[in-house]
Every structure is written in C-alpha cells, then in structure tokens.
Amino acid sequence: MIGALYRRFRTFWNYAIVGGLTMLMTLGLFYLLTWTLLDPHDPLQLQAANVISWILAMAFCYVASRKFVFKSRVKNIPLEAGKFYLSRMATLGLEMFLMHVMVGNWHMNPNGAKPVAQVVVILANYVLNVFVVFRRKKEKKAKLEKQMEKDSLA
C-alpha cells in the first residue's frame, strides 16, 4: 500500500525529499557561516551569509531536482539551469512580497507569516518546475507519436 502510494506520487515525494535536504543545507550553511566566518550582528554580513547559503543550496537543489525528481534529459543544461534560477529568484521575490504584506500591512507575527509564505513558495516552485523548468513536451510528443504509429499498424 505505501509502496503503491509512493509510486503513484513519486515525483511529489522525491520533490519533498530534495526540498527537505535543500532546507537543511541552507540552514546548515547559514549557521556554519555565521558561527565561523561572518558576524550575524552585522547586517551586511548577516545578509551575505543568507545569500551565500541560498546560492549553494540552490545549486544542490537544481542538480538533485534534475537527476532524482524530474529525471531531466535536456541537453542544454545552461538554459535549464537559468530557468531554474530565474524561477527561484521569482519565488524569492514572491516570498519577500508576501512577508511585506502579511507583516507590514496586516501586522501578522513574522513567525506565523513565514510558514504561510513558505507553503505558497513551495507550491509555486513545484508548479514552475513542472511547467517551466523541467517541462517534458518533446518526450511526451515522441511517446504519443510512437503510440499512434503502433495503433495504426495494429
């Protein structure tokens, strides 16, 4: 039963696993940087730690998503990686906007607003990955043509 559920929603579960590992990597790198090299009490160094940890974690996330989640076979890796990073920057902007609205305008507690924003961002990232970054239009078209050819021969 559990195996059947996993197989049916394999992409979703693999996405969740890679996302969890990415989150752990972001946090781990952030804490490592702020405990060793950068001063978290200096606003610029705090933001530097945040940006460095985000960039390195997104590099891991792209490779893991490409290989284990979406099993991409696209030959133009720079184009695909560019789409990935642009989509992640867009959802980072979305998260910043949501936090501004929820905390700045609606006066929500930031600790409550952050998880709400994260859920929206996770869903947006998944949708962008499926329909923009790792889209499989050519593979599906080739599979459909092959099936139609088989059907016409039968």
N, C-alpha and C. Protein backbone atom coordinates (compact mmCIF):
# COMPACT_ATOMS: atom_id res chain seq x y z
N MET A 1 0.83 -1.20 0.00
CA MET A 1 0.00 0.00 0.00
C MET A 1 0.87 1.26 0.00
N ILE A 2 1.85 1.34 0.92
CA ILE A 2 2.72 2.51 0.98
C ILE A 2 3.56 2.60 -0.29
N GLY A 3 4.04 1.44 -0.75
CA GLY A 3 4.81 1.42 -1.99
C GLY A 3 3.99 1.89 -3.18
N ALA A 4 2.73 1.51 -3.23
CA ALA A 4 1.86 1.94 -4.32
C ALA A 4 1.63 3.45 -4.26
N LEU A 5 1.44 3.99 -3.07
CA LEU A 5 1.26 5.44 -2.92
C LEU A 5 2.53 6.18 -3.34
N TYR A 6 3.67 5.64 -2.94
CA TYR A 6 4.93 6.28 -3.33
C TYR A 6 5.07 6.28 -4.85
N ARG A 7 4.83 5.14 -5.49
CA ARG A 7 4.97 5.05 -6.95
C ARG A 7 4.00 5.99 -7.66
N ARG A 8 2.79 6.08 -7.15
CA ARG A 8 1.79 6.93 -7.80
C ARG A 8 2.16 8.40 -7.73
N PHE A 9 2.75 8.82 -6.61
CA PHE A 9 3.11 10.23 -6.40
C PHE A 9 4.63 10.39 -6.25
N ARG A 10 5.37 9.59 -7.01
CA ARG A 10 6.84 9.55 -6.90
C ARG A 10 7.47 10.93 -7.06
N THR A 11 7.08 11.67 -8.08
CA THR A 11 7.67 12.99 -8.31
C THR A 11 7.44 13.90 -7.11
N PHE A 12 6.23 13.89 -6.57
CA PHE A 12 5.91 14.73 -5.41
C PHE A 12 6.77 14.34 -4.20
N TRP A 13 6.85 13.05 -3.90
CA TRP A 13 7.63 12.60 -2.74
C TRP A 13 9.11 12.90 -2.91
N ASN A 14 9.63 12.66 -4.11
CA ASN A 14 11.04 12.96 -4.37
C ASN A 14 11.29 14.47 -4.25
N TYR A 15 10.33 15.27 -4.72
CA TYR A 15 10.43 16.72 -4.60
C TYR A 15 10.47 17.12 -3.12
N ALA A 16 9.63 16.49 -2.31
CA ALA A 16 9.60 16.79 -0.87
C ALA A 16 10.92 16.41 -0.20
N ILE A 17 11.49 15.27 -0.59
CA ILE A 17 12.77 14.84 -0.01
C ILE A 17 13.89 15.80 -0.40
N VAL A 18 13.97 16.14 -1.68
CA VAL A 18 15.00 17.08 -2.14
C VAL A 18 14.79 18.45 -1.48
N GLY A 19 13.54 18.87 -1.36
CA GLY A 19 13.24 20.15 -0.69
C GLY A 19 13.68 20.14 0.76
N GLY A 20 13.43 19.05 1.46
CA GLY A 20 13.85 18.94 2.85
C GLY A 20 15.36 18.98 2.99
N LEU A 21 16.06 18.26 2.10
CA LEU A 21 17.52 18.28 2.12
C LEU A 21 18.06 19.67 1.77
N THR A 22 17.40 20.35 0.84
CA THR A 22 17.80 21.71 0.48
C THR A 22 17.64 22.66 1.66
N MET A 23 16.53 22.52 2.38
CA MET A 23 16.29 23.35 3.54
C MET A 23 17.37 23.10 4.60
N LEU A 24 17.68 21.83 4.85
CA LEU A 24 18.73 21.50 5.82
C LEU A 24 20.08 22.07 5.39
N MET A 25 20.35 22.00 4.10
CA MET A 25 21.61 22.53 3.59
C MET A 25 21.66 24.05 3.75
N THR A 26 20.57 24.74 3.43
CA THR A 26 20.52 26.19 3.58
C THR A 26 20.77 26.58 5.03
N LEU A 27 20.06 25.92 5.94
CA LEU A 27 20.23 26.23 7.36
C LEU A 27 21.63 25.89 7.84
N GLY A 28 22.13 24.72 7.47
CA GLY A 28 23.46 24.30 7.89
C GLY A 28 24.54 25.25 7.41
N LEU A 29 24.48 25.64 6.15
CA LEU A 29 25.47 26.57 5.62
C LEU A 29 25.36 27.94 6.28
N PHE A 30 24.12 28.40 6.48
CA PHE A 30 23.90 29.69 7.13
C PHE A 30 24.51 29.69 8.53
N TYR A 31 24.21 28.64 9.32
CA TYR A 31 24.73 28.58 10.68
C TYR A 31 26.25 28.43 10.68
N LEU A 32 26.77 27.62 9.78
CA LEU A 32 28.23 27.45 9.69
C LEU A 32 28.91 28.79 9.39
N LEU A 33 28.37 29.52 8.44
CA LEU A 33 28.95 30.82 8.08
C LEU A 33 28.86 31.82 9.23
N THR A 34 27.70 31.86 9.91
CA THR A 34 27.54 32.85 10.98
C THR A 34 28.25 32.45 12.26
N TRP A 35 28.58 31.18 12.42
CA TRP A 35 29.33 30.74 13.61
C TRP A 35 30.83 30.81 13.41
N THR A 36 31.27 30.87 12.14
CA THR A 36 32.71 30.79 11.89
C THR A 36 33.27 32.03 11.20
N LEU A 37 32.75 32.39 10.06
CA LEU A 37 33.37 33.44 9.23
C LEU A 37 32.69 34.80 9.32
N LEU A 38 31.39 34.82 9.43
CA LEU A 38 30.65 36.08 9.33
C LEU A 38 29.95 36.42 10.64
N ASP A 39 29.86 37.71 10.92
CA ASP A 39 29.25 38.20 12.15
C ASP A 39 27.75 38.42 11.92
N PRO A 40 26.88 37.61 12.56
CA PRO A 40 25.44 37.76 12.34
C PRO A 40 24.87 39.06 12.91
N HIS A 41 25.64 39.78 13.71
CA HIS A 41 25.16 41.04 14.28
C HIS A 41 25.44 42.22 13.34
N ASP A 42 26.25 41.98 12.32
CA ASP A 42 26.49 42.99 11.28
C ASP A 42 25.48 42.72 10.16
N PRO A 43 24.59 43.69 9.89
CA PRO A 43 23.53 43.44 8.89
C PRO A 43 24.04 42.99 7.52
N LEU A 44 25.15 43.56 7.06
CA LEU A 44 25.68 43.16 5.75
C LEU A 44 26.21 41.74 5.78
N GLN A 45 26.91 41.38 6.84
CA GLN A 45 27.44 40.03 6.94
C GLN A 45 26.31 39.01 7.13
N LEU A 46 25.27 39.41 7.84
CA LEU A 46 24.10 38.53 8.00
C LEU A 46 23.47 38.24 6.64
N GLN A 47 23.28 39.29 5.83
CA GLN A 47 22.70 39.10 4.50
C GLN A 47 23.64 38.31 3.60
N ALA A 48 24.96 38.54 3.75
CA ALA A 48 25.93 37.77 2.95
C ALA A 48 25.82 36.29 3.28
N ALA A 49 25.69 35.96 4.55
CA ALA A 49 25.53 34.56 4.95
C ALA A 49 24.25 33.98 4.36
N ASN A 50 23.20 34.75 4.38
CA ASN A 50 21.92 34.30 3.83
C ASN A 50 22.02 34.05 2.33
N VAL A 51 22.62 34.99 1.61
CA VAL A 51 22.74 34.86 0.14
C VAL A 51 23.67 33.71 -0.24
N ILE A 52 24.81 33.60 0.43
CA ILE A 52 25.76 32.52 0.12
C ILE A 52 25.12 31.16 0.37
N SER A 53 24.44 31.02 1.50
CA SER A 53 23.80 29.73 1.80
C SER A 53 22.69 29.43 0.79
N TRP A 54 21.95 30.46 0.36
CA TRP A 54 20.88 30.27 -0.63
C TRP A 54 21.45 29.83 -1.97
N ILE A 55 22.52 30.49 -2.43
CA ILE A 55 23.11 30.15 -3.73
C ILE A 55 23.64 28.71 -3.74
N LEU A 56 24.37 28.34 -2.70
CA LEU A 56 24.92 26.98 -2.65
C LEU A 56 23.82 25.93 -2.52
N ALA A 57 22.81 26.21 -1.73
CA ALA A 57 21.69 25.27 -1.58
C ALA A 57 20.91 25.14 -2.88
N MET A 58 20.74 26.24 -3.61
CA MET A 58 20.01 26.17 -4.89
C MET A 58 20.80 25.39 -5.93
N ALA A 59 22.13 25.46 -5.88
CA ALA A 59 22.95 24.65 -6.79
C ALA A 59 22.69 23.17 -6.52
N PHE A 60 22.70 22.79 -5.25
CA PHE A 60 22.38 21.41 -4.88
C PHE A 60 20.97 21.05 -5.33
N CYS A 61 20.03 21.94 -5.08
CA CYS A 61 18.62 21.67 -5.40
C CYS A 61 18.43 21.47 -6.90
N TYR A 62 19.10 22.27 -7.72
CA TYR A 62 18.97 22.11 -9.17
C TYR A 62 19.48 20.74 -9.60
N VAL A 63 20.67 20.37 -9.16
CA VAL A 63 21.26 19.09 -9.56
C VAL A 63 20.38 17.94 -9.09
N ALA A 64 19.95 17.98 -7.83
CA ALA A 64 19.13 16.89 -7.27
C ALA A 64 17.76 16.84 -7.95
N SER A 65 17.17 17.99 -8.22
CA SER A 65 15.86 18.01 -8.90
C SER A 65 15.99 17.48 -10.32
N ARG A 66 17.03 17.89 -11.00
CA ARG A 66 17.25 17.45 -12.38
C ARG A 66 17.42 15.94 -12.44
N LYS A 67 18.23 15.39 -11.52
CA LYS A 67 18.58 13.98 -11.59
C LYS A 67 17.55 13.07 -10.94
N PHE A 68 17.10 13.40 -9.73
CA PHE A 68 16.29 12.47 -8.95
C PHE A 68 14.79 12.74 -8.98
N VAL A 69 14.40 13.99 -9.16
CA VAL A 69 12.97 14.31 -9.11
C VAL A 69 12.36 14.27 -10.50
N PHE A 70 12.89 15.08 -11.40
CA PHE A 70 12.28 15.21 -12.73
C PHE A 70 13.00 14.40 -13.81
N LYS A 71 14.15 13.81 -13.46
CA LYS A 71 14.90 12.94 -14.37
C LYS A 71 15.07 13.58 -15.75
N SER A 72 15.54 14.80 -15.75
CA SER A 72 15.66 15.58 -16.99
C SER A 72 16.76 15.02 -17.88
N ARG A 73 16.48 15.04 -19.17
CA ARG A 73 17.46 14.61 -20.17
C ARG A 73 17.79 15.75 -21.14
N VAL A 74 17.43 16.95 -20.76
CA VAL A 74 17.66 18.11 -21.62
C VAL A 74 19.16 18.29 -21.83
N LYS A 75 19.54 18.53 -23.07
CA LYS A 75 20.96 18.68 -23.40
C LYS A 75 21.47 20.08 -23.08
N ASN A 76 20.60 21.09 -23.18
CA ASN A 76 21.00 22.48 -22.95
C ASN A 76 20.90 22.79 -21.45
N ILE A 77 21.88 22.30 -20.69
CA ILE A 77 21.86 22.46 -19.23
C ILE A 77 21.92 23.93 -18.81
N PRO A 78 22.75 24.79 -19.46
CA PRO A 78 22.75 26.19 -19.04
C PRO A 78 21.38 26.86 -19.16
N LEU A 79 20.63 26.54 -20.22
CA LEU A 79 19.29 27.12 -20.37
C LEU A 79 18.36 26.61 -19.27
N GLU A 80 18.40 25.31 -19.02
CA GLU A 80 17.56 24.72 -17.98
C GLU A 80 17.93 25.29 -16.60
N ALA A 81 19.23 25.37 -16.31
CA ALA A 81 19.68 25.91 -15.02
C ALA A 81 19.29 27.38 -14.90
N GLY A 82 19.39 28.11 -16.00
CA GLY A 82 18.97 29.52 -15.99
C GLY A 82 17.50 29.67 -15.65
N LYS A 83 16.67 28.82 -16.26
CA LYS A 83 15.23 28.84 -15.95
C LYS A 83 14.99 28.50 -14.48
N PHE A 84 15.75 27.52 -13.98
CA PHE A 84 15.61 27.12 -12.58
C PHE A 84 15.92 28.30 -11.65
N TYR A 85 17.09 28.93 -11.87
CA TYR A 85 17.48 30.05 -11.00
C TYR A 85 16.54 31.24 -11.14
N LEU A 86 16.10 31.54 -12.36
CA LEU A 86 15.15 32.65 -12.53
C LEU A 86 13.83 32.36 -11.82
N SER A 87 13.37 31.12 -11.90
CA SER A 87 12.11 30.79 -11.22
C SER A 87 12.29 30.88 -9.71
N ARG A 88 13.45 30.46 -9.20
CA ARG A 88 13.70 30.55 -7.76
C ARG A 88 13.84 32.00 -7.31
N MET A 89 14.43 32.85 -8.14
CA MET A 89 14.52 34.26 -7.79
C MET A 89 13.12 34.90 -7.79
N ALA A 90 12.28 34.45 -8.73
CA ALA A 90 10.91 34.97 -8.77
C ALA A 90 10.14 34.58 -7.50
N THR A 91 10.31 33.34 -7.06
CA THR A 91 9.59 32.93 -5.85
C THR A 91 10.22 33.52 -4.59
N LEU A 92 11.50 33.85 -4.64
CA LEU A 92 12.10 34.59 -3.53
C LEU A 92 11.45 35.98 -3.46
N GLY A 93 11.26 36.61 -4.62
CA GLY A 93 10.56 37.90 -4.66
C GLY A 93 9.13 37.76 -4.16
N LEU A 94 8.46 36.67 -4.54
CA LEU A 94 7.10 36.41 -4.06
C LEU A 94 7.09 36.29 -2.54
N GLU A 95 8.06 35.56 -2.01
CA GLU A 95 8.13 35.40 -0.55
C GLU A 95 8.36 36.75 0.14
N MET A 96 9.24 37.56 -0.42
CA MET A 96 9.50 38.87 0.17
C MET A 96 8.24 39.74 0.13
N PHE A 97 7.51 39.67 -0.99
CA PHE A 97 6.26 40.42 -1.11
C PHE A 97 5.23 39.94 -0.09
N LEU A 98 5.07 38.62 0.02
CA LEU A 98 4.11 38.07 0.99
C LEU A 98 4.46 38.47 2.42
N MET A 99 5.74 38.41 2.75
CA MET A 99 6.16 38.79 4.10
C MET A 99 5.89 40.27 4.34
N HIS A 100 6.14 41.09 3.34
CA HIS A 100 5.88 42.52 3.47
C HIS A 100 4.39 42.78 3.73
N VAL A 101 3.55 42.13 2.95
CA VAL A 101 2.10 42.33 3.10
C VAL A 101 1.62 41.79 4.45
N MET A 102 2.00 40.55 4.77
CA MET A 102 1.49 39.92 5.99
C MET A 102 2.00 40.61 7.25
N VAL A 103 3.30 40.96 7.27
CA VAL A 103 3.87 41.56 8.47
C VAL A 103 3.68 43.08 8.46
N GLY A 104 4.03 43.70 7.33
CA GLY A 104 3.98 45.16 7.25
C GLY A 104 2.58 45.74 7.18
N ASN A 105 1.71 45.11 6.40
CA ASN A 105 0.37 45.67 6.20
C ASN A 105 -0.67 45.05 7.12
N TRP A 106 -0.61 43.75 7.28
CA TRP A 106 -1.62 43.06 8.09
C TRP A 106 -1.18 42.87 9.54
N HIS A 107 0.06 43.26 9.85
CA HIS A 107 0.61 43.20 11.21
C HIS A 107 0.59 41.80 11.82
N MET A 108 0.82 40.80 10.96
CA MET A 108 0.94 39.43 11.47
C MET A 108 2.28 39.26 12.16
N ASN A 109 2.35 38.31 13.06
CA ASN A 109 3.61 37.94 13.69
C ASN A 109 4.50 37.31 12.61
N PRO A 110 5.75 37.78 12.48
CA PRO A 110 6.64 37.22 11.45
C PRO A 110 6.82 35.71 11.56
N ASN A 111 6.81 35.19 12.80
CA ASN A 111 6.98 33.76 12.99
C ASN A 111 5.78 32.96 12.49
N GLY A 112 4.62 33.58 12.41
CA GLY A 112 3.45 32.93 11.83
C GLY A 112 3.34 33.17 10.34
N ALA A 113 3.82 34.34 9.91
CA ALA A 113 3.74 34.69 8.48
C ALA A 113 4.73 33.87 7.64
N LYS A 114 5.90 33.59 8.19
CA LYS A 114 6.94 32.88 7.44
C LYS A 114 6.48 31.49 6.97
N PRO A 115 5.88 30.66 7.83
CA PRO A 115 5.41 29.36 7.33
C PRO A 115 4.31 29.48 6.26
N VAL A 116 3.45 30.47 6.39
CA VAL A 116 2.41 30.68 5.37
C VAL A 116 3.07 31.02 4.03
N ALA A 117 4.02 31.94 4.08
CA ALA A 117 4.74 32.31 2.86
C ALA A 117 5.49 31.12 2.27
N GLN A 118 6.09 30.30 3.14
CA GLN A 118 6.84 29.14 2.68
C GLN A 118 5.96 28.14 1.95
N VAL A 119 4.75 27.92 2.44
CA VAL A 119 3.83 26.99 1.77
C VAL A 119 3.51 27.50 0.37
N VAL A 120 3.23 28.79 0.24
CA VAL A 120 2.94 29.37 -1.08
C VAL A 120 4.15 29.24 -1.99
N VAL A 121 5.34 29.50 -1.48
CA VAL A 121 6.56 29.43 -2.28
C VAL A 121 6.86 27.99 -2.70
N ILE A 122 6.69 27.04 -1.82
CA ILE A 122 6.93 25.64 -2.16
C ILE A 122 6.00 25.19 -3.28
N LEU A 123 4.73 25.55 -3.18
CA LEU A 123 3.78 25.20 -4.24
C LEU A 123 4.13 25.90 -5.55
N ALA A 124 4.49 27.18 -5.47
CA ALA A 124 4.87 27.92 -6.69
C ALA A 124 6.12 27.32 -7.32
N ASN A 125 7.11 26.95 -6.49
CA ASN A 125 8.32 26.32 -7.03
C ASN A 125 8.00 25.00 -7.73
N TYR A 126 7.12 24.22 -7.15
CA TYR A 126 6.76 22.94 -7.76
C TYR A 126 6.09 23.17 -9.12
N VAL A 127 5.13 24.09 -9.15
CA VAL A 127 4.42 24.38 -10.41
C VAL A 127 5.40 24.89 -11.46
N LEU A 128 6.29 25.81 -11.09
CA LEU A 128 7.27 26.33 -12.05
C LEU A 128 8.22 25.23 -12.52
N ASN A 129 8.63 24.35 -11.62
CA ASN A 129 9.50 23.24 -12.03
C ASN A 129 8.81 22.33 -13.03
N VAL A 130 7.55 22.00 -12.78
CA VAL A 130 6.84 21.07 -13.66
C VAL A 130 6.53 21.70 -15.01
N PHE A 131 6.07 22.96 -15.03
CA PHE A 131 5.57 23.55 -16.27
C PHE A 131 6.55 24.47 -16.99
N VAL A 132 7.64 24.86 -16.35
CA VAL A 132 8.58 25.78 -16.99
C VAL A 132 9.99 25.17 -17.05
N VAL A 133 10.54 24.80 -15.92
CA VAL A 133 11.95 24.40 -15.87
C VAL A 133 12.17 23.01 -16.44
N PHE A 134 11.45 22.02 -15.94
CA PHE A 134 11.68 20.63 -16.34
C PHE A 134 10.54 20.09 -17.20
N ARG A 135 9.97 20.93 -18.02
CA ARG A 135 8.87 20.55 -18.90
C ARG A 135 9.32 19.46 -19.86
N ARG A 136 8.46 18.48 -20.08
CA ARG A 136 8.81 17.33 -20.93
C ARG A 136 7.97 17.28 -22.20
N LYS A 137 7.80 18.37 -22.83
CA LYS A 137 6.95 18.46 -24.01
C LYS A 137 7.43 17.54 -25.14
N LYS A 138 8.70 17.56 -25.47
CA LYS A 138 9.22 16.78 -26.59
C LYS A 138 9.12 15.28 -26.31
N GLU A 139 9.45 14.86 -25.09
CA GLU A 139 9.37 13.44 -24.74
C GLU A 139 7.94 12.93 -24.85
N LYS A 140 6.98 13.71 -24.36
CA LYS A 140 5.58 13.30 -24.42
C LYS A 140 5.10 13.24 -25.86
N LYS A 141 5.52 14.20 -26.67
CA LYS A 141 5.12 14.22 -28.08
C LYS A 141 5.67 12.99 -28.80
N ALA A 142 6.94 12.66 -28.55
CA ALA A 142 7.56 11.49 -29.19
C ALA A 142 6.86 10.21 -28.75
N LYS A 143 6.51 10.12 -27.47
CA LYS A 143 5.83 8.94 -26.95
C LYS A 143 4.44 8.80 -27.58
N LEU A 144 3.74 9.92 -27.72
CA LEU A 144 2.42 9.91 -28.33
C LEU A 144 2.50 9.49 -29.79
N GLU A 145 3.48 10.02 -30.53
CA GLU A 145 3.65 9.66 -31.93
C GLU A 145 3.97 8.17 -32.08
N LYS A 146 4.80 7.66 -31.20
CA LYS A 146 5.15 6.24 -31.24
C LYS A 146 3.92 5.37 -30.98
N GLN A 147 3.10 5.78 -30.00
CA GLN A 147 1.87 5.05 -29.69
C GLN A 147 0.90 5.10 -30.86
N MET A 148 0.77 6.27 -31.51
CA MET A 148 -0.12 6.39 -32.66
C MET A 148 0.35 5.49 -33.81
N GLU A 149 1.67 5.44 -34.00
CA GLU A 149 2.23 4.59 -35.05
C GLU A 149 1.92 3.11 -34.77
N LYS A 150 2.08 2.71 -33.51
CA LYS A 150 1.76 1.34 -33.11
C LYS A 150 0.30 1.02 -33.35
N ASP A 151 -0.57 1.96 -32.97
CA ASP A 151 -2.01 1.76 -33.14
C ASP A 151 -2.40 1.64 -34.62
N SER A 152 -1.72 2.40 -35.47
CA SER A 152 -2.06 2.35 -36.90
C SER A 152 -1.60 1.04 -37.54
N LEU A 153 -0.55 0.43 -36.99
CA LEU A 153 -0.06 -0.84 -37.51
C LEU A 153 -0.92 -2.02 -37.04
N ALA A 154 -1.60 -1.84 -35.95
CA ALA A 154 -2.39 -2.94 -35.39
C ALA A 154 -3.68 -3.18 -36.11
